[in-house]
Amino acid sequence: MSKKSITSRSYWTILIGGMLTGMGNGSVFGATVMCLVGRSPFETWGGETIIAAYDPRTFTGFIDWAMIVFGIAFVVILVVALNQHEKLEKMAG
């Protein structure tokens, strides 16, 4: 019986940990954008409706999309890192 890969054994850890970490960093990025440029480049703040909250042309939508993109990027980083770690373990053992 073959042993499952590290990536497949830690699926939920990668997904939850990567999204939480990435989205946290995305919110810091959004706060930094707000401090540097303010809300003037955006037509509205985006909290009027649920759809407006995810429209990247609004301030809130821009921040929400930044958080989603950062979350996905961190999930990809974790998958690549764990695959590399598994290669190193196989070479050592």
PDB file of N, CA and C in Angstrom:
ATOM      1  N   MET A   1       0.842  -1.171   0.000  1.00  0.00           N
ATOM      2  CA  MET A   1       0.000   0.000   0.000  1.00  0.00           C
ATOM      3  C   MET A   1       0.892   1.240   0.000  1.00  0.00           C
ATOM      4  N   SER A   2       0.628   2.129  -0.921  1.00  0.00           N
ATOM      5  CA  SER A   2       1.459   3.320  -1.019  1.00  0.00           C
ATOM      6  C   SER A   2       0.967   4.412  -0.070  1.00  0.00           C
ATOM      7  N   LYS A   3       1.915   5.169   0.384  1.00  0.00           N
ATOM      8  CA  LYS A   3       1.607   6.268   1.297  1.00  0.00           C
ATOM      9  C   LYS A   3       1.135   7.474   0.487  1.00  0.00           C
ATOM     10  N   LYS A   4       0.097   8.152   0.972  1.00  0.00           N
ATOM     11  CA  LYS A   4      -0.409   9.342   0.281  1.00  0.00           C
ATOM     12  C   LYS A   4       0.630  10.452   0.331  1.00  0.00           C
ATOM     13  N   SER A   5       0.561  11.350  -0.653  1.00  0.00           N
ATOM     14  CA  SER A   5       1.497  12.472  -0.673  1.00  0.00           C
ATOM     15  C   SER A   5       1.173  13.453   0.452  1.00  0.00           C
ATOM     16  N   ILE A   6       2.162  14.252   0.794  1.00  0.00           N
ATOM     17  CA  ILE A   6       1.980  15.260   1.849  1.00  0.00           C
ATOM     18  C   ILE A   6       0.865  16.228   1.461  1.00  0.00           C
ATOM     19  N   THR A   7       0.830  16.615   0.199  1.00  0.00           N
ATOM     20  CA  THR A   7      -0.172  17.567  -0.258  1.00  0.00           C
ATOM     21  C   THR A   7      -1.583  16.998  -0.123  1.00  0.00           C
ATOM     22  N   SER A   8      -1.773  15.731  -0.486  1.00  0.00           N
ATOM     23  CA  SER A   8      -3.115  15.158  -0.386  1.00  0.00           C
ATOM     24  C   SER A   8      -3.520  14.902   1.066  1.00  0.00           C
ATOM     25  N   ARG A   9      -2.550  14.609   1.933  1.00  0.00           N
ATOM     26  CA  ARG A   9      -2.880  14.404   3.341  1.00  0.00           C
ATOM     27  C   ARG A   9      -3.213  15.709   4.057  1.00  0.00           C
ATOM     28  N   SER A  10      -2.707  16.805   3.565  1.00  0.00           N
ATOM     29  CA  SER A  10      -2.934  18.088   4.242  1.00  0.00           C
ATOM     30  C   SER A  10      -3.816  19.020   3.420  1.00  0.00           C
ATOM     31  N   TYR A  11      -4.763  18.467   2.693  1.00  0.00           N
ATOM     32  CA  TYR A  11      -5.649  19.248   1.828  1.00  0.00           C
ATOM     33  C   TYR A  11      -6.361  20.371   2.587  1.00  0.00           C
ATOM     34  N   TRP A  12      -7.034  20.020   3.682  1.00  0.00           N
ATOM     35  CA  TRP A  12      -7.801  21.026   4.420  1.00  0.00           C
ATOM     36  C   TRP A  12      -6.892  22.032   5.116  1.00  0.00           C
ATOM     37  N   THR A  13      -5.746  21.591   5.566  1.00  0.00           N
ATOM     38  CA  THR A  13      -4.791  22.513   6.193  1.00  0.00           C
ATOM     39  C   THR A  13      -4.302  23.540   5.171  1.00  0.00           C
ATOM     40  N   ILE A  14      -4.013  23.064   3.975  1.00  0.00           N
ATOM     41  CA  ILE A  14      -3.569  23.970   2.903  1.00  0.00           C
ATOM     42  C   ILE A  14      -4.675  24.953   2.556  1.00  0.00           C
ATOM     43  N   LEU A  15      -5.876  24.445   2.356  1.00  0.00           N
ATOM     44  CA  LEU A  15      -6.981  25.298   1.928  1.00  0.00           C
ATOM     45  C   LEU A  15      -7.345  26.335   2.992  1.00  0.00           C
ATOM     46  N   ILE A  16      -7.548  25.892   4.206  1.00  0.00           N
ATOM     47  CA  ILE A  16      -7.969  26.817   5.263  1.00  0.00           C
ATOM     48  C   ILE A  16      -6.814  27.728   5.675  1.00  0.00           C
ATOM     49  N   GLY A  17      -5.652  27.157   5.922  1.00  0.00           N
ATOM     50  CA  GLY A  17      -4.504  27.971   6.332  1.00  0.00           C
ATOM     51  C   GLY A  17      -4.073  28.961   5.271  1.00  0.00           C
ATOM     52  N   GLY A  18      -4.058  28.526   4.020  1.00  0.00           N
ATOM     53  CA  GLY A  18      -3.658  29.417   2.929  1.00  0.00           C
ATOM     54  C   GLY A  18      -4.638  30.549   2.718  1.00  0.00           C
ATOM     55  N   MET A  19      -5.939  30.225   2.722  1.00  0.00           N
ATOM     56  CA  MET A  19      -6.938  31.277   2.527  1.00  0.00           C
ATOM     57  C   MET A  19      -6.972  32.256   3.701  1.00  0.00           C
ATOM     58  N   LEU A  20      -6.883  31.751   4.916  1.00  0.00           N
ATOM     59  CA  LEU A  20      -6.898  32.656   6.076  1.00  0.00           C
ATOM     60  C   LEU A  20      -5.677  33.573   6.088  1.00  0.00           C
ATOM     61  N   THR A  21      -4.518  33.005   5.847  1.00  0.00           N
ATOM     62  CA  THR A  21      -3.300  33.813   5.839  1.00  0.00           C
ATOM     63  C   THR A  21      -3.317  34.814   4.689  1.00  0.00           C
ATOM     64  N   GLY A  22      -3.661  34.331   3.509  1.00  0.00           N
ATOM     65  CA  GLY A  22      -3.680  35.206   2.342  1.00  0.00           C
ATOM     66  C   GLY A  22      -4.715  36.305   2.447  1.00  0.00           C
ATOM     67  N   MET A  23      -5.912  35.969   2.912  1.00  0.00           N
ATOM     68  CA  MET A  23      -6.943  36.984   3.026  1.00  0.00           C
ATOM     69  C   MET A  23      -6.616  37.997   4.119  1.00  0.00           C
ATOM     70  N   GLY A  24      -5.926  37.553   5.157  1.00  0.00           N
ATOM     71  CA  GLY A  24      -5.461  38.493   6.180  1.00  0.00           C
ATOM     72  C   GLY A  24      -4.460  39.476   5.608  1.00  0.00           C
ATOM     73  N   ASN A  25      -3.548  38.971   4.795  1.00  0.00           N
ATOM     74  CA  ASN A  25      -2.583  39.859   4.149  1.00  0.00           C
ATOM     75  C   ASN A  25      -3.260  40.762   3.124  1.00  0.00           C
ATOM     76  N   GLY A  26      -4.289  40.242   2.447  1.00  0.00           N
ATOM     77  CA  GLY A  26      -5.039  41.068   1.497  1.00  0.00           C
ATOM     78  C   GLY A  26      -5.756  42.213   2.182  1.00  0.00           C
ATOM     79  N   SER A  27      -6.256  41.983   3.391  1.00  0.00           N
ATOM     80  CA  SER A  27      -6.926  43.065   4.108  1.00  0.00           C
ATOM     81  C   SER A  27      -5.933  44.129   4.559  1.00  0.00           C
ATOM     82  N   VAL A  28      -4.732  43.710   4.915  1.00  0.00           N
ATOM     83  CA  VAL A  28      -3.686  44.688   5.253  1.00  0.00           C
ATOM     84  C   VAL A  28      -3.302  45.490   4.017  1.00  0.00           C
ATOM     85  N   PHE A  29      -3.227  44.806   2.874  1.00  0.00           N
ATOM     86  CA  PHE A  29      -2.961  45.501   1.616  1.00  0.00           C
ATOM     87  C   PHE A  29      -4.052  46.537   1.346  1.00  0.00           C
ATOM     88  N   GLY A  30      -5.322  46.163   1.568  1.00  0.00           N
ATOM     89  CA  GLY A  30      -6.428  47.089   1.369  1.00  0.00           C
ATOM     90  C   GLY A  30      -6.377  48.282   2.305  1.00  0.00           C
ATOM     91  N   ALA A  31      -6.006  48.044   3.545  1.00  0.00           N
ATOM     92  CA  ALA A  31      -5.868  49.154   4.497  1.00  0.00           C
ATOM     93  C   ALA A  31      -4.744  50.088   4.069  1.00  0.00           C
ATOM     94  N   THR A  32      -3.679  49.532   3.550  1.00  0.00           N
ATOM     95  CA  THR A  32      -2.563  50.348   3.068  1.00  0.00           C
ATOM     96  C   THR A  32      -2.990  51.194   1.875  1.00  0.00           C
ATOM     97  N   VAL A  33      -3.743  50.594   0.961  1.00  0.00           N
ATOM     98  CA  VAL A  33      -4.248  51.349  -0.190  1.00  0.00           C
ATOM     99  C   VAL A  33      -5.127  52.491   0.284  1.00  0.00           C
ATOM    100  N   MET A  34      -6.001  52.212   1.268  1.00  0.00           N
ATOM    101  CA  MET A  34      -6.886  53.260   1.773  1.00  0.00           C
ATOM    102  C   MET A  34      -6.073  54.400   2.396  1.00  0.00           C
ATOM    103  N   CYS A  35      -5.007  54.043   3.113  1.00  0.00           N
ATOM    104  CA  CYS A  35      -4.182  55.076   3.736  1.00  0.00           C
ATOM    105  C   CYS A  35      -3.425  55.892   2.694  1.00  0.00           C
ATOM    106  N   LEU A  36      -2.968  55.253   1.627  1.00  0.00           N
ATOM    107  CA  LEU A  36      -2.155  55.952   0.628  1.00  0.00           C
ATOM    108  C   LEU A  36      -2.966  56.778  -0.363  1.00  0.00           C
ATOM    109  N   VAL A  37      -4.055  56.210  -0.895  1.00  0.00           N
ATOM    110  CA  VAL A  37      -4.796  56.924  -1.936  1.00  0.00           C
ATOM    111  C   VAL A  37      -6.176  57.366  -1.498  1.00  0.00           C
ATOM    112  N   GLY A  38      -6.665  56.860  -0.389  1.00  0.00           N
ATOM    113  CA  GLY A  38      -8.009  57.211   0.055  1.00  0.00           C
ATOM    114  C   GLY A  38      -9.055  56.534  -0.806  1.00  0.00           C
ATOM    115  N   ARG A  39     -10.281  56.980  -0.688  1.00  0.00           N
ATOM    116  CA  ARG A  39     -11.367  56.378  -1.459  1.00  0.00           C
ATOM    117  C   ARG A  39     -11.688  57.152  -2.721  1.00  0.00           C
ATOM    118  N   SER A  40     -10.970  58.204  -2.990  1.00  0.00           N
ATOM    119  CA  SER A  40     -11.310  59.049  -4.134  1.00  0.00           C
ATOM    120  C   SER A  40     -11.204  58.355  -5.490  1.00  0.00           C
ATOM    121  N   PRO A  41     -10.290  57.395  -5.728  1.00  0.00           N
ATOM    122  CA  PRO A  41     -10.273  56.748  -7.046  1.00  0.00           C
ATOM    123  C   PRO A  41     -11.477  55.835  -7.303  1.00  0.00           C
ATOM    124  N   PHE A  42     -12.254  55.536  -6.288  1.00  0.00           N
ATOM    125  CA  PHE A  42     -13.380  54.618  -6.424  1.00  0.00           C
ATOM    126  C   PHE A  42     -14.672  55.410  -6.462  1.00  0.00           C
ATOM    127  N   GLU A  43     -15.611  54.980  -7.329  1.00  0.00           N
ATOM    128  CA  GLU A  43     -16.854  55.733  -7.499  1.00  0.00           C
ATOM    129  C   GLU A  43     -17.756  55.688  -6.266  1.00  0.00           C
ATOM    130  N   THR A  44     -17.711  54.598  -5.509  1.00  0.00           N
ATOM    131  CA  THR A  44     -18.522  54.463  -4.305  1.00  0.00           C
ATOM    132  C   THR A  44     -17.804  53.526  -3.335  1.00  0.00           C
ATOM    133  N   TRP A  45     -18.254  53.464  -2.115  1.00  0.00           N
ATOM    134  CA  TRP A  45     -17.571  52.608  -1.152  1.00  0.00           C
ATOM    135  C   TRP A  45     -17.990  51.158  -1.281  1.00  0.00           C
ATOM    136  N   GLY A  46     -19.157  50.860  -1.879  1.00  0.00           N
ATOM    137  CA  GLY A  46     -19.528  49.508  -2.220  1.00  0.00           C
ATOM    138  C   GLY A  46     -20.318  48.732  -1.201  1.00  0.00           C
ATOM    139  N   GLY A  47     -20.881  49.381  -0.202  1.00  0.00           N
ATOM    140  CA  GLY A  47     -21.624  48.653   0.810  1.00  0.00           C
ATOM    141  C   GLY A  47     -23.121  48.751   0.675  1.00  0.00           C
ATOM    142  N   GLU A  48     -23.600  49.308  -0.409  1.00  0.00           N
ATOM    143  CA  GLU A  48     -25.044  49.495  -0.568  1.00  0.00           C
ATOM    144  C   GLU A  48     -25.771  48.174  -0.781  1.00  0.00           C
ATOM    145  N   THR A  49     -25.216  47.309  -1.604  1.00  0.00           N
ATOM    146  CA  THR A  49     -25.823  46.004  -1.887  1.00  0.00           C
ATOM    147  C   THR A  49     -24.750  44.925  -1.802  1.00  0.00           C
ATOM    148  N   ILE A  50     -25.204  43.690  -1.795  1.00  0.00           N
ATOM    149  CA  ILE A  50     -24.251  42.579  -1.739  1.00  0.00           C
ATOM    150  C   ILE A  50     -23.421  42.528  -3.021  1.00  0.00           C
ATOM    151  N   ILE A  51     -24.056  42.782  -4.156  1.00  0.00           N
ATOM    152  CA  ILE A  51     -23.337  42.735  -5.433  1.00  0.00           C
ATOM    153  C   ILE A  51     -22.291  43.840  -5.496  1.00  0.00           C
ATOM    154  N   ALA A  52     -22.616  45.022  -4.989  1.00  0.00           N
ATOM    155  CA  ALA A  52     -21.660  46.133  -5.007  1.00  0.00           C
ATOM    156  C   ALA A  52     -20.435  45.839  -4.137  1.00  0.00           C
ATOM    157  N   ALA A  53     -20.607  45.000  -3.127  1.00  0.00           N
ATOM    158  CA  ALA A  53     -19.489  44.663  -2.251  1.00  0.00           C
ATOM    159  C   ALA A  53     -18.432  43.824  -2.953  1.00  0.00           C
ATOM    160  N   TYR A  54     -18.774  43.200  -4.080  1.00  0.00           N
ATOM    161  CA  TYR A  54     -17.809  42.397  -4.835  1.00  0.00           C
ATOM    162  C   TYR A  54     -17.500  42.979  -6.209  1.00  0.00           C
ATOM    163  N   ASP A  55     -17.933  44.205  -6.449  1.00  0.00           N
ATOM    164  CA  ASP A  55     -17.625  44.896  -7.701  1.00  0.00           C
ATOM    165  C   ASP A  55     -16.268  45.573  -7.548  1.00  0.00           C
ATOM    166  N   PRO A  56     -15.263  45.177  -8.331  1.00  0.00           N
ATOM    167  CA  PRO A  56     -13.915  45.733  -8.134  1.00  0.00           C
ATOM    168  C   PRO A  56     -13.805  47.238  -8.405  1.00  0.00           C
ATOM    169  N   ARG A  57     -14.854  47.833  -8.979  1.00  0.00           N
ATOM    170  CA  ARG A  57     -14.819  49.282  -9.193  1.00  0.00           C
ATOM    171  C   ARG A  57     -15.167  50.062  -7.937  1.00  0.00           C
ATOM    172  N   THR A  58     -15.688  49.376  -6.912  1.00  0.00           N
ATOM    173  CA  THR A  58     -15.981  50.029  -5.635  1.00  0.00           C
ATOM    174  C   THR A  58     -14.830  49.757  -4.668  1.00  0.00           C
ATOM    175  N   PHE A  59     -14.739  50.546  -3.635  1.00  0.00           N
ATOM    176  CA  PHE A  59     -13.635  50.382  -2.681  1.00  0.00           C
ATOM    177  C   PHE A  59     -13.714  49.035  -1.978  1.00  0.00           C
ATOM    178  N   THR A  60     -14.878  48.684  -1.453  1.00  0.00           N
ATOM    179  CA  THR A  60     -15.036  47.414  -0.750  1.00  0.00           C
ATOM    180  C   THR A  60     -14.820  46.237  -1.695  1.00  0.00           C
ATOM    181  N   GLY A  61     -15.306  46.355  -2.920  1.00  0.00           N
ATOM    182  CA  GLY A  61     -15.104  45.296  -3.905  1.00  0.00           C
ATOM    183  C   GLY A  61     -13.636  45.104  -4.237  1.00  0.00           C
ATOM    184  N   PHE A  62     -12.899  46.199  -4.344  1.00  0.00           N
ATOM    185  CA  PHE A  62     -11.463  46.103  -4.601  1.00  0.00           C
ATOM    186  C   PHE A  62     -10.767  45.365  -3.465  1.00  0.00           C
ATOM    187  N   ILE A  63     -11.114  45.705  -2.240  1.00  0.00           N
ATOM    188  CA  ILE A  63     -10.499  45.049  -1.079  1.00  0.00           C
ATOM    189  C   ILE A  63     -10.900  43.575  -1.034  1.00  0.00           C
ATOM    190  N   ASP A  64     -12.178  43.273  -1.286  1.00  0.00           N
ATOM    191  CA  ASP A  64     -12.620  41.876  -1.276  1.00  0.00           C
ATOM    192  C   ASP A  64     -11.883  41.051  -2.326  1.00  0.00           C
ATOM    193  N   TRP A  65     -11.739  41.591  -3.524  1.00  0.00           N
ATOM    194  CA  TRP A  65     -11.012  40.856  -4.561  1.00  0.00           C
ATOM    195  C   TRP A  65      -9.535  40.735  -4.240  1.00  0.00           C
ATOM    196  N   ALA A  66      -8.956  41.751  -3.630  1.00  0.00           N
ATOM    197  CA  ALA A  66      -7.550  41.643  -3.213  1.00  0.00           C
ATOM    198  C   ALA A  66      -7.393  40.518  -2.194  1.00  0.00           C
ATOM    199  N   MET A  67      -8.324  40.415  -1.268  1.00  0.00           N
ATOM    200  CA  MET A  67      -8.249  39.354  -0.260  1.00  0.00           C
ATOM    201  C   MET A  67      -8.407  37.971  -0.908  1.00  0.00           C
ATOM    202  N   ILE A  68      -9.317  37.834  -1.853  1.00  0.00           N
ATOM    203  CA  ILE A  68      -9.512  36.542  -2.525  1.00  0.00           C
ATOM    204  C   ILE A  68      -8.268  36.162  -3.326  1.00  0.00           C
ATOM    205  N   VAL A  69      -7.714  37.111  -4.057  1.00  0.00           N
ATOM    206  CA  VAL A  69      -6.515  36.833  -4.862  1.00  0.00           C
ATOM    207  C   VAL A  69      -5.330  36.478  -3.963  1.00  0.00           C
ATOM    208  N   PHE A  70      -5.139  37.205  -2.886  1.00  0.00           N
ATOM    209  CA  PHE A  70      -4.054  36.890  -1.947  1.00  0.00           C
ATOM    210  C   PHE A  70      -4.261  35.504  -1.344  1.00  0.00           C
ATOM    211  N   GLY A  71      -5.499  35.152  -1.014  1.00  0.00           N
ATOM    212  CA  GLY A  71      -5.794  33.835  -0.449  1.00  0.00           C
ATOM    213  C   GLY A  71      -5.454  32.717  -1.417  1.00  0.00           C
ATOM    214  N   ILE A  72      -5.865  32.855  -2.664  1.00  0.00           N
ATOM    215  CA  ILE A  72      -5.551  31.847  -3.675  1.00  0.00           C
ATOM    216  C   ILE A  72      -4.045  31.755  -3.891  1.00  0.00           C
ATOM    217  N   ALA A  73      -3.368  32.895  -3.896  1.00  0.00           N
ATOM    218  CA  ALA A  73      -1.911  32.883  -4.068  1.00  0.00           C
ATOM    219  C   ALA A  73      -1.224  32.137  -2.930  1.00  0.00           C
ATOM    220  N   PHE A  74      -1.678  32.313  -1.713  1.00  0.00           N
ATOM    221  CA  PHE A  74      -1.067  31.605  -0.584  1.00  0.00           C
ATOM    222  C   PHE A  74      -1.353  30.107  -0.637  1.00  0.00           C
ATOM    223  N   VAL A  75      -2.517  29.713  -1.130  1.00  0.00           N
ATOM    224  CA  VAL A  75      -2.807  28.290  -1.298  1.00  0.00           C
ATOM    225  C   VAL A  75      -1.837  27.694  -2.322  1.00  0.00           C
ATOM    226  N   VAL A  76      -1.616  28.384  -3.417  1.00  0.00           N
ATOM    227  CA  VAL A  76      -0.668  27.917  -4.439  1.00  0.00           C
ATOM    228  C   VAL A  76       0.739  27.823  -3.852  1.00  0.00           C
ATOM    229  N   ILE A  77       1.138  28.828  -3.087  1.00  0.00           N
ATOM    230  CA  ILE A  77       2.467  28.811  -2.457  1.00  0.00           C
ATOM    231  C   ILE A  77       2.608  27.607  -1.535  1.00  0.00           C
ATOM    232  N   LEU A  78       1.585  27.300  -0.746  1.00  0.00           N
ATOM    233  CA  LEU A  78       1.642  26.144   0.147  1.00  0.00           C
ATOM    234  C   LEU A  78       1.741  24.833  -0.628  1.00  0.00           C
ATOM    235  N   VAL A  79       1.000  24.702  -1.713  1.00  0.00           N
ATOM    236  CA  VAL A  79       1.056  23.482  -2.520  1.00  0.00           C
ATOM    237  C   VAL A  79       2.456  23.298  -3.107  1.00  0.00           C
ATOM    238  N   VAL A  80       3.021  24.352  -3.658  1.00  0.00           N
ATOM    239  CA  VAL A  80       4.370  24.266  -4.231  1.00  0.00           C
ATOM    240  C   VAL A  80       5.384  23.922  -3.146  1.00  0.00           C
ATOM    241  N   ALA A  81       5.288  24.571  -2.001  1.00  0.00           N
ATOM    242  CA  ALA A  81       6.241  24.329  -0.914  1.00  0.00           C
ATOM    243  C   ALA A  81       6.158  22.896  -0.397  1.00  0.00           C
ATOM    244  N   LEU A  82       4.947  22.387  -0.223  1.00  0.00           N
ATOM    245  CA  LEU A  82       4.811  21.022   0.279  1.00  0.00           C
ATOM    246  C   LEU A  82       5.248  19.987  -0.754  1.00  0.00           C
ATOM    247  N   ASN A  83       5.026  20.261  -2.028  1.00  0.00           N
ATOM    248  CA  ASN A  83       5.526  19.350  -3.063  1.00  0.00           C
ATOM    249  C   ASN A  83       7.055  19.324  -3.068  1.00  0.00           C
ATOM    250  N   GLN A  84       7.672  20.474  -2.924  1.00  0.00           N
ATOM    251  CA  GLN A  84       9.139  20.528  -2.862  1.00  0.00           C
ATOM    252  C   GLN A  84       9.657  19.824  -1.609  1.00  0.00           C
ATOM    253  N   HIS A  85       8.956  20.001  -0.507  1.00  0.00           N
ATOM    254  CA  HIS A  85       9.342  19.346   0.740  1.00  0.00           C
ATOM    255  C   HIS A  85       9.269  17.823   0.589  1.00  0.00           C
ATOM    256  N   GLU A  86       8.238  17.364  -0.080  1.00  0.00           N
ATOM    257  CA  GLU A  86       8.107  15.916  -0.283  1.00  0.00           C
ATOM    258  C   GLU A  86       9.228  15.373  -1.171  1.00  0.00           C
ATOM    259  N   LYS A  87       9.621  16.126  -2.194  1.00  0.00           N
ATOM    260  CA  LYS A  87      10.746  15.699  -3.037  1.00  0.00           C
ATOM    261  C   LYS A  87      12.026  15.587  -2.219  1.00  0.00           C
ATOM    262  N   LEU A  88      12.257  16.558  -1.336  1.00  0.00           N
ATOM    263  CA  LEU A  88      13.445  16.523  -0.497  1.00  0.00           C
ATOM    264  C   LEU A  88      13.409  15.335   0.466  1.00  0.00           C
ATOM    265  N   GLU A  89      12.242  15.029   1.018  1.00  0.00           N
ATOM    266  CA  GLU A  89      12.117  13.868   1.909  1.00  0.00           C
ATOM    267  C   GLU A  89      12.389  12.559   1.183  1.00  0.00           C
ATOM    268  N   LYS A  90      11.914  12.455  -0.048  1.00  0.00           N
ATOM    269  CA  LYS A  90      12.148  11.233  -0.811  1.00  0.00           C
ATOM    270  C   LYS A  90      13.615  11.069  -1.158  1.00  0.00           C
ATOM    271  N   MET A  91      14.296  12.174  -1.453  1.00  0.00           N
ATOM    272  CA  MET A  91      15.724  12.111  -1.767  1.00  0.00           C
ATOM    273  C   MET A  91      16.534  11.732  -0.531  1.00  0.00           C
ATOM    274  N   ALA A  92      16.130  12.215   0.637  1.00  0.00           N
ATOM    275  CA  ALA A  92      16.866  11.927   1.876  1.00  0.00           C
ATOM    276  C   ALA A  92      16.586  10.528   2.394  1.00  0.00           C
ATOM    277  N   GLY A  93      15.409   9.986   2.116  1.00  0.00           N
ATOM    278  CA  GLY A  93      15.055   8.699   2.706  1.00  0.00           C
ATOM    279  C   GLY A  93      14.995   7.646   1.695  1.00  0.00           C
TER     280      GLY A  93
END
